[in-house]
C-alpha atoms as a PDB file:
ATOM      1  CA  UNK A   1     153.115 126.688  81.761  1.00  0.00           C
ATOM      2  CA  UNK A   2     151.042 130.658  81.693  1.00  0.00           C
ATOM      3  CA  UNK A   3     148.927 128.690  84.836  1.00  0.00           C
ATOM      4  CA  UNK A   4     152.531 128.187  86.634  1.00  0.00           C
ATOM      5  CA  UNK A   5     153.584 131.676  86.015  1.00  0.00           C
ATOM      6  CA  UNK A   6     150.233 133.680  86.847  1.00  0.00           C
ATOM      7  CA  UNK A   7     148.912 131.676  89.491  1.00  0.00           C
ATOM      8  CA  UNK A   8     151.322 132.588  92.156  1.00  0.00           C
ATOM      9  CA  UNK A   9     150.294 136.330  91.495  1.00  0.00           C
ATOM     10  CA  UNK A  10     146.219 135.657  92.645  1.00  0.00           C
ATOM     11  CA  UNK A  11     147.473 136.786  96.579  1.00  0.00           C
ATOM     12  CA  UNK A  12     148.219 140.267  94.162  1.00  0.00           C
ATOM     13  CA  UNK A  13     145.595 140.214  91.804  1.00  0.00           C
ATOM     14  CA  UNK A  14     142.419 138.090  92.748  1.00  0.00           C
ATOM     15  CA  UNK A  15     141.223 137.868  88.738  1.00  0.00           C
ATOM     16  CA  UNK A  16     144.144 135.293  88.683  1.00  0.00           C
ATOM     17  CA  UNK A  17     142.556 132.689  91.206  1.00  0.00           C
ATOM     18  CA  UNK A  18     140.508 131.997  88.236  1.00  0.00           C
ATOM     19  CA  UNK A  19     143.422 129.732  87.004  1.00  0.00           C
ATOM     20  CA  UNK A  20     143.463 127.666  90.157  1.00  0.00           C
ATOM     21  CA  UNK A  21     139.752 126.003  89.123  1.00  0.00           C
ATOM     22  CA  UNK A  22     139.568 123.113  86.609  1.00  0.00           C
ATOM     23  CA  UNK A  23     136.431 124.199  85.091  1.00  0.00           C
ATOM     24  CA  UNK A  24     137.833 127.708  84.176  1.00  0.00           C
ATOM     25  CA  UNK A  25     141.217 126.215  82.492  1.00  0.00           C
ATOM     26  CA  UNK A  26     138.770 123.468  80.789  1.00  0.00           C
ATOM     27  CA  UNK A  27     136.568 126.381  79.237  1.00  0.00           C
ATOM     28  CA  UNK A  28     139.678 128.130  78.063  1.00  0.00           C
ATOM     29  CA  UNK A  29     141.028 125.332  76.707  1.00  0.00           C
ATOM     30  CA  UNK A  30     137.917 124.897  74.415  1.00  0.00           C
ATOM     31  CA  UNK A  31     137.639 128.022  73.825  1.00  0.00           C
ATOM     32  CA  UNK A  32     141.463 128.602  72.479  1.00  0.00           C
ATOM     33  CA  UNK A  33     141.973 125.070  71.121  1.00  0.00           C
ATOM     34  CA  UNK A  34     138.442 125.718  68.449  1.00  0.00           C
ATOM     35  CA  UNK A  35     139.984 129.531  67.716  1.00  0.00           C
ATOM     36  CA  UNK A  36     143.418 128.405  67.280  1.00  0.00           C
ATOM     37  CA  UNK A  37     142.692 125.447  65.238  1.00  0.00           C
ATOM     38  CA  UNK A  38     140.122 126.999  62.685  1.00  0.00           C
ATOM     39  CA  UNK A  39     142.829 129.849  62.208  1.00  0.00           C
ATOM     40  CA  UNK A  40     145.716 127.928  61.873  1.00  0.00           C
ATOM     41  CA  UNK A  41     143.966 125.047  59.805  1.00  0.00           C
ATOM     42  CA  UNK A  42     142.911 127.886  57.034  1.00  0.00           C
ATOM     43  CA  UNK A  43     147.127 128.529  56.686  1.00  0.00           C
ATOM     44  CA  UNK A  44     147.778 125.453  56.608  1.00  0.00           C
ATOM     45  CA  UNK A  45     145.314 123.940  54.324  1.00  0.00           C
ATOM     46  CA  UNK A  46     147.148 126.337  51.540  1.00  0.00           C
ATOM     47  CA  UNK A  47     150.345 124.945  52.714  1.00  0.00           C
ATOM     48  CA  UNK A  48     149.496 121.781  51.829  1.00  0.00           C
ATOM     49  CA  UNK A  49     147.775 122.340  48.633  1.00  0.00           C
ATOM     50  CA  UNK A  50     150.435 124.385  47.417  1.00  0.00           C
ATOM     51  CA  UNK A  51     153.077 121.759  47.995  1.00  0.00           C
ATOM     52  CA  UNK A  52     150.705 118.946  46.644  1.00  0.00           C
ATOM     53  CA  UNK A  53     150.668 117.116  49.828  1.00  0.00           C
ATOM     54  CA  UNK A  54     147.710 115.111  48.916  1.00  0.00           C
ATOM     55  CA  UNK A  55     146.011 111.745  50.473  1.00  0.00           C
ATOM     56  CA  UNK A  56     147.076 108.603  48.527  1.00  0.00           C
ATOM     57  CA  UNK A  57     143.641 106.711  47.727  1.00  0.00           C
ATOM     58  CA  UNK A  58     144.187 103.045  47.736  1.00  0.00           C
ATOM     59  CA  UNK A  59     142.359 101.186  44.683  1.00  0.00           C
ATOM     60  CA  UNK A  60     140.929  98.790  46.791  1.00  0.00           C
ATOM     61  CA  UNK A  61     138.518 101.152  48.323  1.00  0.00           C
ATOM     62  CA  UNK A  62     135.103 101.909  47.234  1.00  0.00           C
ATOM     63  CA  UNK A  63     135.262 104.057  44.023  1.00  0.00           C
ATOM     64  CA  UNK A  64     133.583 106.773  45.415  1.00  0.00           C
ATOM     65  CA  UNK A  65     136.585 107.786  47.376  1.00  0.00           C
ATOM     66  CA  UNK A  66     138.815 107.720  43.783  1.00  0.00           C
ATOM     67  CA  UNK A  67     137.712 111.471  43.755  1.00  0.00           C
ATOM     68  CA  UNK A  68     139.643 112.284  47.003  1.00  0.00           C
ATOM     69  CA  UNK A  69     142.722 111.415  45.668  1.00  0.00           C
ATOM     70  CA  UNK A  70     144.757 114.664  45.826  1.00  0.00           C
ATOM     71  CA  UNK A  71     142.969 116.210  49.012  1.00  0.00           C
ATOM     72  CA  UNK A  72     145.391 117.620  51.822  1.00  0.00           C
ATOM     73  CA  UNK A  73     146.353 115.183  54.554  1.00  0.00           C
ATOM     74  CA  UNK A  74     148.207 115.260  58.306  1.00  0.00           C
ATOM     75  CA  UNK A  75     145.382 117.793  59.223  1.00  0.00           C
ATOM     76  CA  UNK A  76     146.430 116.003  62.658  1.00  0.00           C
ATOM     77  CA  UNK A  77     149.667 118.429  62.500  1.00  0.00           C
ATOM     78  CA  UNK A  78     146.948 121.359  63.276  1.00  0.00           C
ATOM     79  CA  UNK A  79     144.746 119.664  65.748  1.00  0.00           C
ATOM     80  CA  UNK A  80     147.728 118.248  68.072  1.00  0.00           C
ATOM     81  CA  UNK A  81     149.552 121.642  67.372  1.00  0.00           C
ATOM     82  CA  UNK A  82     146.443 123.389  68.745  1.00  0.00           C
ATOM     83  CA  UNK A  83     146.126 121.064  71.837  1.00  0.00           C
ATOM     84  CA  UNK A  84     149.986 121.608  73.028  1.00  0.00           C
ATOM     85  CA  UNK A  85     149.567 125.739  72.188  1.00  0.00           C
ATOM     86  CA  UNK A  86     146.617 125.549  74.497  1.00  0.00           C
ATOM     87  CA  UNK A  87     147.924 123.146  77.246  1.00  0.00           C
ATOM     88  CA  UNK A  88     151.252 125.137  77.524  1.00  0.00           C
ATOM     89  CA  UNK A  89     148.545 128.080  78.728  1.00  0.00           C
ATOM     90  CA  UNK A  90     145.838 125.889  80.689  1.00  0.00           C
ATOM     91  CA  UNK A  91     147.853 122.755  81.888  1.00  0.00           C
ATOM     92  CA  UNK A  92     149.234 121.486  85.175  1.00  0.00           C
ATOM     93  CA  UNK A  93     152.587 120.412  84.178  1.00  0.00           C
ATOM     94  CA  UNK A  94     152.767 119.036  87.843  1.00  0.00           C
ATOM     95  CA  UNK A  95     150.238 116.605  87.611  1.00  0.00           C
ATOM     96  CA  UNK A  96     151.582 112.982  86.480  1.00  0.00           C
ATOM     97  CA  UNK A  97     148.358 111.782  84.918  1.00  0.00           C
ATOM     98  CA  UNK A  98     148.214 114.948  82.794  1.00  0.00           C
ATOM     99  CA  UNK A  99     152.001 114.380  81.989  1.00  0.00           C
ATOM    100  CA  UNK A 100     151.692 110.938  80.889  1.00  0.00           C
ATOM    101  CA  UNK A 101     148.762 111.429  78.666  1.00  0.00           C
ATOM    102  CA  UNK A 102     150.962 114.067  77.041  1.00  0.00           C
ATOM    103  CA  UNK A 103     153.777 112.027  76.976  1.00  0.00           C
ATOM    104  CA  UNK A 104     151.529 108.702  74.935  1.00  0.00           C
ATOM    105  CA  UNK A 105     149.892 111.437  72.756  1.00  0.00           C
ATOM    106  CA  UNK A 106     153.416 112.848  71.574  1.00  0.00           C
ATOM    107  CA  UNK A 107     155.002 109.896  71.111  1.00  0.00           C
ATOM    108  CA  UNK A 108     152.123 108.263  68.890  1.00  0.00           C
ATOM    109  CA  UNK A 109     152.210 111.665  67.187  1.00  0.00           C
ATOM    110  CA  UNK A 110     155.728 111.421  66.214  1.00  0.00           C
ATOM    111  CA  UNK A 111     154.872 108.021  64.859  1.00  0.00           C
ATOM    112  CA  UNK A 112     151.964 108.756  63.139  1.00  0.00           C
ATOM    113  CA  UNK A 113     153.967 111.623  61.781  1.00  0.00           C
ATOM    114  CA  UNK A 114     156.652 108.896  60.380  1.00  0.00           C
ATOM    115  CA  UNK A 115     154.197 106.903  58.753  1.00  0.00           C
ATOM    116  CA  UNK A 116     152.295 109.886  57.083  1.00  0.00           C
ATOM    117  CA  UNK A 117     155.689 111.562  56.170  1.00  0.00           C
ATOM    118  CA  UNK A 118     156.215 108.070  54.255  1.00  0.00           C
ATOM    119  CA  UNK A 119     152.872 108.207  52.179  1.00  0.00           C
ATOM    120  CA  UNK A 120     152.786 111.666  51.433  1.00  0.00           C
ATOM    121  CA  UNK A 121     156.216 112.882  50.686  1.00  0.00           C
ATOM    122  CA  UNK A 122     158.056 109.737  49.644  1.00  0.00           C
ATOM    123  CA  UNK A 123     154.734 108.231  48.100  1.00  0.00           C
ATOM    124  CA  UNK A 124     155.153 105.015  49.849  1.00  0.00           C
ATOM    125  CA  UNK A 125     151.833 103.797  50.283  1.00  0.00           C
ATOM    126  CA  UNK A 126     152.525 101.413  53.063  1.00  0.00           C
ATOM    127  CA  UNK A 127     154.076 103.532  55.326  1.00  0.00           C
ATOM    128  CA  UNK A 128     155.474 102.016  58.607  1.00  0.00           C
ATOM    129  CA  UNK A 129     155.061  98.254  58.947  1.00  0.00           C
ATOM    130  CA  UNK A 130     152.306  97.208  61.178  1.00  0.00           C
ATOM    131  CA  UNK A 131     154.602  95.311  63.276  1.00  0.00           C
ATOM    132  CA  UNK A 132     157.130  98.470  63.649  1.00  0.00           C
ATOM    133  CA  UNK A 133     153.953 100.155  64.664  1.00  0.00           C
ATOM    134  CA  UNK A 134     153.104  97.756  67.268  1.00  0.00           C
ATOM    135  CA  UNK A 135     156.558  97.799  68.549  1.00  0.00           C
ATOM    136  CA  UNK A 136     156.354 101.621  68.635  1.00  0.00           C
ATOM    137  CA  UNK A 137     153.009 101.688  70.674  1.00  0.00           C
ATOM    138  CA  UNK A 138     153.495  98.975  73.012  1.00  0.00           C
ATOM    139  CA  UNK A 139     156.792 100.042  74.056  1.00  0.00           C
ATOM    140  CA  UNK A 140     155.323 103.616  75.233  1.00  0.00           C
ATOM    141  CA  UNK A 141     152.369 101.995  77.035  1.00  0.00           C
ATOM    142  CA  UNK A 142     155.053 100.028  79.166  1.00  0.00           C
ATOM    143  CA  UNK A 143     156.815 102.856  80.132  1.00  0.00           C
ATOM    144  CA  UNK A 144     153.407 104.518  80.699  1.00  0.00           C
ATOM    145  CA  UNK A 145     152.060 102.055  82.641  1.00  0.00           C
ATOM    146  CA  UNK A 146     155.278 101.080  84.801  1.00  0.00           C
ATOM    147  CA  UNK A 147     155.648 104.745  85.616  1.00  0.00           C
ATOM    148  CA  UNK A 148     152.085 105.051  86.926  1.00  0.00           C
ATOM    149  CA  UNK A 149     152.100 101.636  88.952  1.00  0.00           C
ATOM    150  CA  UNK A 150     155.804 102.459  89.962  1.00  0.00           C
ATOM    151  CA  UNK A 151     154.792 106.067  91.689  1.00  0.00           C
ATOM    152  CA  UNK A 152     151.275 104.785  93.037  1.00  0.00           C
ATOM    153  CA  UNK A 153     149.594 106.879  90.909  1.00  0.00           C
ATOM    154  CA  UNK A 154     147.556 103.920  89.763  1.00  0.00           C
ATOM    155  CA  UNK A 155     147.135 100.094  91.060  1.00  0.00           C
ATOM    156  CA  UNK A 156     146.600  97.443  89.448  1.00  0.00           C
ATOM    157  CA  UNK A 157     142.941  96.702  90.140  1.00  0.00           C
ATOM    158  CA  UNK A 158     140.430  96.391  87.609  1.00  0.00           C
ATOM    159  CA  UNK A 159     137.210  98.173  87.940  1.00  0.00           C
ATOM    160  CA  UNK A 160     133.855  97.504  86.110  1.00  0.00           C
ATOM    161  CA  UNK A 161     130.870  99.344  85.226  1.00  0.00           C
ATOM    162  CA  UNK A 162     127.734  98.657  87.371  1.00  0.00           C
ATOM    163  CA  UNK A 163     129.706  97.414  89.996  1.00  0.00           C
ATOM    164  CA  UNK A 164     130.876  99.154  93.044  1.00  0.00           C
ATOM    165  CA  UNK A 165     134.357  98.380  93.992  1.00  0.00           C
ATOM    166  CA  UNK A 166     137.541  96.830  92.531  1.00  0.00           C
ATOM    167  CA  UNK A 167     136.622  93.510  90.626  1.00  0.00           C
ATOM    168  CA  UNK A 168     139.990  91.732  90.646  1.00  0.00           C
ATOM    169  CA  UNK A 169     143.734  93.025  91.049  1.00  0.00           C
ATOM    170  CA  UNK A 170     145.604  92.142  87.549  1.00  0.00           C
ATOM    171  CA  UNK A 171     149.157  92.211  89.118  1.00  0.00           C
ATOM    172  CA  UNK A 172     151.825  92.474  86.542  1.00  0.00           C
ATOM    173  CA  UNK A 173     149.360  91.386  83.968  1.00  0.00           C
ATOM    174  CA  UNK A 174     148.278  95.055  84.251  1.00  0.00           C
ATOM    175  CA  UNK A 175     150.729  96.439  82.043  1.00  0.00           C
ATOM    176  CA  UNK A 176     149.797  94.226  79.477  1.00  0.00           C
ATOM    177  CA  UNK A 177     146.196  95.422  79.797  1.00  0.00           C
ATOM    178  CA  UNK A 178     146.958  98.848  79.674  1.00  0.00           C
ATOM    179  CA  UNK A 179     148.936  98.306  76.227  1.00  0.00           C
ATOM    180  CA  UNK A 180     145.805  96.729  75.079  1.00  0.00           C
ATOM    181  CA  UNK A 181     143.667  99.509  75.948  1.00  0.00           C
ATOM    182  CA  UNK A 182     145.729 102.404  74.327  1.00  0.00           C
ATOM    183  CA  UNK A 183     147.237 100.280  71.274  1.00  0.00           C
ATOM    184  CA  UNK A 184     143.879  99.240  70.826  1.00  0.00           C
ATOM    185  CA  UNK A 185     142.233 102.506  70.778  1.00  0.00           C
ATOM    186  CA  UNK A 186     145.122 104.551  68.930  1.00  0.00           C
ATOM    187  CA  UNK A 187     144.382 101.549  65.998  1.00  0.00           C
ATOM    188  CA  UNK A 188     140.899 101.624  66.382  1.00  0.00           C
ATOM    189  CA  UNK A 189     140.652 105.682  65.650  1.00  0.00           C
ATOM    190  CA  UNK A 190     142.822 105.087  62.754  1.00  0.00           C
ATOM    191  CA  UNK A 191     140.497 102.319  61.313  1.00  0.00           C
ATOM    192  CA  UNK A 192     137.510 104.670  61.725  1.00  0.00           C
ATOM    193  CA  UNK A 193     139.115 107.832  60.018  1.00  0.00           C
ATOM    194  CA  UNK A 194     137.579 106.485  56.446  1.00  0.00           C
ATOM    195  CA  UNK A 195     134.698 109.208  55.992  1.00  0.00           C
ATOM    196  CA  UNK A 196     134.960 113.246  55.918  1.00  0.00           C
ATOM    197  CA  UNK A 197     134.071 113.828  59.645  1.00  0.00           C
ATOM    198  CA  UNK A 198     133.343 110.280  60.418  1.00  0.00           C
ATOM    199  CA  UNK A 199     135.881 109.699  62.951  1.00  0.00           C
ATOM    200  CA  UNK A 200     136.444 113.295  64.660  1.00  0.00           C
ATOM    201  CA  UNK A 201     132.692 113.191  65.927  1.00  0.00           C
ATOM    202  CA  UNK A 202     133.303 110.099  67.756  1.00  0.00           C
ATOM    203  CA  UNK A 203     136.455 111.781  69.399  1.00  0.00           C
ATOM    204  CA  UNK A 204     134.688 114.559  70.509  1.00  0.00           C
ATOM    205  CA  UNK A 205     132.192 112.864  72.106  1.00  0.00           C
ATOM    206  CA  UNK A 206     134.335 110.255  73.651  1.00  0.00           C
ATOM    207  CA  UNK A 207     136.909 113.539  75.017  1.00  0.00           C
ATOM    208  CA  UNK A 208     133.599 114.943  76.222  1.00  0.00           C
ATOM    209  CA  UNK A 209     132.616 112.011  78.501  1.00  0.00           C
ATOM    210  CA  UNK A 210     136.026 110.850  79.267  1.00  0.00           C
ATOM    211  CA  UNK A 211     136.432 114.930  80.669  1.00  0.00           C
ATOM    212  CA  UNK A 212     133.496 114.180  82.919  1.00  0.00           C
ATOM    213  CA  UNK A 213     134.405 111.118  84.163  1.00  0.00           C
ATOM    214  CA  UNK A 214     138.211 112.751  84.468  1.00  0.00           C
ATOM    215  CA  UNK A 215     136.982 115.320  86.854  1.00  0.00           C
ATOM    216  CA  UNK A 216     134.817 112.888  88.893  1.00  0.00           C
ATOM    217  CA  UNK A 217     138.174 110.669  89.741  1.00  0.00           C
ATOM    218  CA  UNK A 218     139.634 113.741  90.467  1.00  0.00           C
ATOM    219  CA  UNK A 219     137.211 115.149  93.039  1.00  0.00           C
ATOM    220  CA  UNK A 220     137.407 113.294  96.500  1.00  0.00           C
ATOM    221  CA  UNK A 221     133.893 113.857  97.539  1.00  0.00           C
ATOM    222  CA  UNK A 222     132.255 113.173  93.947  1.00  0.00           C
ATOM    223  CA  UNK A 223     134.270 109.865  93.704  1.00  0.00           C
ATOM    224  CA  UNK A 224     133.307 108.857  97.088  1.00  0.00           C
ATOM    225  CA  UNK A 225     129.389 109.569  96.440  1.00  0.00           C
ATOM    226  CA  UNK A 226     129.562 108.037  92.931  1.00  0.00           C
ATOM    227  CA  UNK A 227     131.732 104.934  93.888  1.00  0.00           C
ATOM    228  CA  UNK A 228     134.569 105.141  91.929  1.00  0.00           C
ATOM    229  CA  UNK A 229     138.220 105.380  92.401  1.00  0.00           C
ATOM    230  CA  UNK A 230     139.725 108.603  93.383  1.00  0.00           C
ATOM    231  CA  UNK A 231     142.575 109.108  91.191  1.00  0.00           C
ATOM    232  CA  UNK A 232     144.740 112.157  92.640  1.00  0.00           C
ATOM    233  CA  UNK A 233     145.008 115.048  89.669  1.00  0.00           C
ATOM    234  CA  UNK A 234     143.314 113.258  87.368  1.00  0.00           C
ATOM    235  CA  UNK A 235     140.803 116.341  87.278  1.00  0.00           C
ATOM    236  CA  UNK A 236     143.810 117.835  85.321  1.00  0.00           C
ATOM    237  CA  UNK A 237     142.605 115.508  82.533  1.00  0.00           C
ATOM    238  CA  UNK A 238     139.717 117.659  82.002  1.00  0.00           C
ATOM    239  CA  UNK A 239     141.524 120.462  80.705  1.00  0.00           C
ATOM    240  CA  UNK A 240     143.464 118.153  78.236  1.00  0.00           C
ATOM    241  CA  UNK A 241     140.145 116.450  77.005  1.00  0.00           C
ATOM    242  CA  UNK A 242     138.500 120.305  76.872  1.00  0.00           C
ATOM    243  CA  UNK A 243     141.839 120.737  74.373  1.00  0.00           C
ATOM    244  CA  UNK A 244     141.058 117.631  72.128  1.00  0.00           C
ATOM    245  CA  UNK A 245     137.334 118.469  72.001  1.00  0.00           C
ATOM    246  CA  UNK A 246     138.315 122.285  70.754  1.00  0.00           C
ATOM    247  CA  UNK A 247     140.543 121.425  68.370  1.00  0.00           C
ATOM    248  CA  UNK A 248     138.441 118.791  66.990  1.00  0.00           C
ATOM    249  CA  UNK A 249     135.795 121.227  66.384  1.00  0.00           C
ATOM    250  CA  UNK A 250     137.768 123.444  64.769  1.00  0.00           C
ATOM    251  CA  UNK A 251     139.576 120.188  62.690  1.00  0.00           C
ATOM    252  CA  UNK A 252     135.794 119.339  61.736  1.00  0.00           C
ATOM    253  CA  UNK A 253     135.168 122.799  60.330  1.00  0.00           C
ATOM    254  CA  UNK A 254     137.453 122.025  57.432  1.00  0.00           C
ATOM    255  CA  UNK A 255     137.064 118.218  57.736  1.00  0.00           C
ATOM    256  CA  UNK A 256     133.122 117.701  57.282  1.00  0.00           C
ATOM    257  CA  UNK A 257     131.862 116.945  54.083  1.00  0.00           C
ATOM    258  CA  UNK A 258     133.048 117.244  51.359  1.00  0.00           C
ATOM    259  CA  UNK A 259     136.462 117.422  53.378  1.00  0.00           C
ATOM    260  CA  UNK A 260     139.180 120.080  52.536  1.00  0.00           C
ATOM    261  CA  UNK A 261     141.692 117.873  54.677  1.00  0.00           C
ATOM    262  CA  UNK A 262     142.127 114.657  55.925  1.00  0.00           C
ATOM    263  CA  UNK A 263     143.248 113.786  59.428  1.00  0.00           C
ATOM    264  CA  UNK A 264     145.943 111.337  58.645  1.00  0.00           C
ATOM    265  CA  UNK A 265     147.563 109.071  60.885  1.00  0.00           C
ATOM    266  CA  UNK A 266     149.638 111.965  62.415  1.00  0.00           C
ATOM    267  CA  UNK A 267     145.640 112.758  64.100  1.00  0.00           C
ATOM    268  CA  UNK A 268     143.804 109.326  64.655  1.00  0.00           C
ATOM    269  CA  UNK A 269     147.130 107.307  65.964  1.00  0.00           C
ATOM    270  CA  UNK A 270     147.954 110.501  68.678  1.00  0.00           C
ATOM    271  CA  UNK A 271     144.022 111.502  69.315  1.00  0.00           C
ATOM    272  CA  UNK A 272     143.021 107.541  69.648  1.00  0.00           C
ATOM    273  CA  UNK A 273     145.916 106.664  72.088  1.00  0.00           C
ATOM    274  CA  UNK A 274     145.257 110.287  73.833  1.00  0.00           C
ATOM    275  CA  UNK A 275     141.845 108.826  74.763  1.00  0.00           C
ATOM    276  CA  UNK A 276     142.804 105.424  75.786  1.00  0.00           C
ATOM    277  CA  UNK A 277     145.230 107.060  78.116  1.00  0.00           C
ATOM    278  CA  UNK A 278     142.710 109.018  79.580  1.00  0.00           C
ATOM    279  CA  UNK A 279     140.321 106.224  80.041  1.00  0.00           C
ATOM    280  CA  UNK A 280     143.190 104.280  81.732  1.00  0.00           C
ATOM    281  CA  UNK A 281     143.995 106.851  84.143  1.00  0.00           C
ATOM    282  CA  UNK A 282     140.705 107.328  85.223  1.00  0.00           C
ATOM    283  CA  UNK A 283     139.803 103.498  85.783  1.00  0.00           C
ATOM    284  CA  UNK A 284     137.043 103.304  83.031  1.00  0.00           C
ATOM    285  CA  UNK A 285     139.115 100.778  80.517  1.00  0.00           C
ATOM    286  CA  UNK A 286     136.112  98.498  80.211  1.00  0.00           C
ATOM    287  CA  UNK A 287     133.481 101.600  80.160  1.00  0.00           C
ATOM    288  CA  UNK A 288     135.537 102.991  77.085  1.00  0.00           C
ATOM    289  CA  UNK A 289     134.339  99.922  75.400  1.00  0.00           C
ATOM    290  CA  UNK A 290     130.686 101.577  75.633  1.00  0.00           C
ATOM    291  CA  UNK A 291     132.062 104.976  75.357  1.00  0.00           C
ATOM    292  CA  UNK A 292     133.934 104.417  72.147  1.00  0.00           C
ATOM    293  CA  UNK A 293     131.698 101.839  70.922  1.00  0.00           C
ATOM    294  CA  UNK A 294     131.977 103.168  67.125  1.00  0.00           C
ATOM    295  CA  UNK A 295     135.837 102.457  67.495  1.00  0.00           C
ATOM    296  CA  UNK A 296     135.471  98.810  68.703  1.00  0.00           C
ATOM    297  CA  UNK A 297     132.391  98.447  65.972  1.00  0.00           C
ATOM    298  CA  UNK A 298     135.317  99.568  63.392  1.00  0.00           C
ATOM    299  CA  UNK A 299     138.002  97.494  64.682  1.00  0.00           C
ATOM    300  CA  UNK A 300     135.970  94.332  65.014  1.00  0.00           C
ATOM    301  CA  UNK A 301     134.460  94.523  61.655  1.00  0.00           C
ATOM    302  CA  UNK A 302     137.724  94.321  60.388  1.00  0.00           C
ATOM    303  CA  UNK A 303     139.152  91.289  62.291  1.00  0.00           C
ATOM    304  CA  UNK A 304     135.529  89.853  61.359  1.00  0.00           C
ATOM    305  CA  UNK A 305     136.253  90.122  57.862  1.00  0.00           C
ATOM    306  CA  UNK A 306     139.672  88.937  57.917  1.00  0.00           C
ATOM    307  CA  UNK A 307     139.039  85.697  60.280  1.00  0.00           C
ATOM    308  CA  UNK A 308     136.067  85.020  58.131  1.00  0.00           C
ATOM    309  CA  UNK A 309     137.891  85.030  55.126  1.00  0.00           C
ATOM    310  CA  UNK A 310     140.562  83.245  56.044  1.00  0.00           C
ATOM    311  CA  UNK A 311     139.049  80.287  57.427  1.00  0.00           C
ATOM    312  CA  UNK A 312     135.967  80.501  55.440  1.00  0.00           C
ATOM    313  CA  UNK A 313     136.920  82.067  52.284  1.00  0.00           C
ATOM    314  CA  UNK A 314     133.854  84.398  52.642  1.00  0.00           C
ATOM    315  CA  UNK A 315     133.215  87.845  53.610  1.00  0.00           C
ATOM    316  CA  UNK A 316     130.902  88.869  56.392  1.00  0.00           C
ATOM    317  CA  UNK A 317     130.569  92.925  54.852  1.00  0.00           C
ATOM    318  CA  UNK A 318     130.818  94.151  51.649  1.00  0.00           C
ATOM    319  CA  UNK A 319     133.827  95.767  52.974  1.00  0.00           C
ATOM    320  CA  UNK A 320     135.742  96.608  56.138  1.00  0.00           C
ATOM    321  CA  UNK A 321     135.732  98.765  58.146  1.00  0.00           C
ATOM    322  CA  UNK A 322     132.081  98.592  58.322  1.00  0.00           C
ATOM    323  CA  UNK A 323     131.296 102.120  56.971  1.00  0.00           C
ATOM    324  CA  UNK A 324     132.570 100.869  53.848  1.00  0.00           C
ATOM    325  CA  UNK A 325     129.760  98.014  54.128  1.00  0.00           C
ATOM    326  CA  UNK A 326     126.832 100.623  54.721  1.00  0.00           C
ATOM    327  CA  UNK A 327     128.372 102.764  51.811  1.00  0.00           C
ATOM    328  CA  UNK A 328     128.424  99.699  49.461  1.00  0.00           C
ATOM    329  CA  UNK A 329     124.457  99.141  50.584  1.00  0.00           C
ATOM    330  CA  UNK A 330     123.911 102.538  48.635  1.00  0.00           C
ATOM    331  CA  UNK A 331     123.839 104.557  52.151  1.00  0.00           C
ATOM    332  CA  UNK A 332     125.264 107.996  50.887  1.00  0.00           C
ATOM    333  CA  UNK A 333     128.275 108.929  52.644  1.00  0.00           C
ATOM    334  CA  UNK A 334     126.938 112.011  54.733  1.00  0.00           C
ATOM    335  CA  UNK A 335     124.202 109.777  56.235  1.00  0.00           C
ATOM    336  CA  UNK A 336     126.468 107.214  57.288  1.00  0.00           C
ATOM    337  CA  UNK A 337     128.712 110.055  59.085  1.00  0.00           C
ATOM    338  CA  UNK A 338     125.444 111.374  60.838  1.00  0.00           C
ATOM    339  CA  UNK A 339     124.434 108.153  62.013  1.00  0.00           C
ATOM    340  CA  UNK A 340     127.480 107.184  63.364  1.00  0.00           C
ATOM    341  CA  UNK A 341     128.381 110.787  65.175  1.00  0.00           C
ATOM    342  CA  UNK A 342     124.210 110.150  66.447  1.00  0.00           C
ATOM    343  CA  UNK A 343     125.134 106.372  68.017  1.00  0.00           C
ATOM    344  CA  UNK A 344     128.533 107.702  69.165  1.00  0.00           C
ATOM    345  CA  UNK A 345     126.367 110.472  71.278  1.00  0.00           C
ATOM    346  CA  UNK A 346     123.797 107.884  72.308  1.00  0.00           C
ATOM    347  CA  UNK A 347     126.676 105.655  73.780  1.00  0.00           C
ATOM    348  CA  UNK A 348     128.273 108.625  75.534  1.00  0.00           C
ATOM    349  CA  UNK A 349     125.270 109.358  77.225  1.00  0.00           C
ATOM    350  CA  UNK A 350     125.093 105.989  78.101  1.00  0.00           C
ATOM    351  CA  UNK A 351     128.403 105.618  79.571  1.00  0.00           C
ATOM    352  CA  UNK A 352     127.556 108.667  82.066  1.00  0.00           C
ATOM    353  CA  UNK A 353     124.553 107.235  83.294  1.00  0.00           C
ATOM    354  CA  UNK A 354     126.403 104.125  84.124  1.00  0.00           C
ATOM    355  CA  UNK A 355     127.867 106.177  86.861  1.00  0.00           C
ATOM    356  CA  UNK A 356     124.695 106.198  89.227  1.00  0.00           C
ATOM    357  CA  UNK A 357     124.082 102.600  88.532  1.00  0.00           C
ATOM    358  CA  UNK A 358     126.919 101.097  90.783  1.00  0.00           C
END
């Protein structure tokens, strides 16, 4: 909003012309979100401890996690809160891609808050039912995808890494495809959020990668040079991604091992939804499988475990999601976390490298 208020004065005050540049606003968003989240996080943690709003640890998890019971949760409140504050300053609210991502993030934020509220304040370990979550999530994505296609922000064509031009036109199935990408991303991030700092690391690397892709997709010359689809105003998603990175870094200040606060569903569902939406809006739905490879692996480890036990009565992993498998194999928690971060950084670089392989 501040961008819309100050930029019109750029003719009188030349320094305000800086707000015109996405790169400047992205840098400002990162710096502001980092500082705001670190400052706010300190007081938020104190408040949660004073109110005794702590994490409930499931008994079927690793025994080493039982000592984490009572650690403050719902840290996603100050992550998303910091993002929204910064986006009010740096965001372009005339950009439909920007507004769509904000809509999905806010919707999933409300869902995650309701789920955490039931778990933490009402002491209901199940929270909102899985079916209830899926209905909410898919309804949100269908609204978003309908608006995007209806107003010709996006077409229904599918683009693949290493291939110039669209691979096929999905037609009406595109709306369902968008739902799978965004809902899958949201729930995969939620499954990854099981160790101190494990989820926020790949969230930061994924946001950074998607921010680069968003800038390229929103720039006519760059998108043409790289043979990627040009999406008008998608460059504004770089500012959104920068706010995720900054708020994520501030959260990691307190969430690194040993964690002083957990993200909660209010953070994981909304941030996962935001990443999935940016992937859709930059036509990188398939490439997002590489970018968010950690999230994909975590989700598939759960699916494999469930299917194997149901049909074979045998477990493939010692425990799912897969980060628990490595814990039970004897890996110290910090080692699991850092190695997953390293893989995430490698995948992020690989995804960017594919831009020159079309």
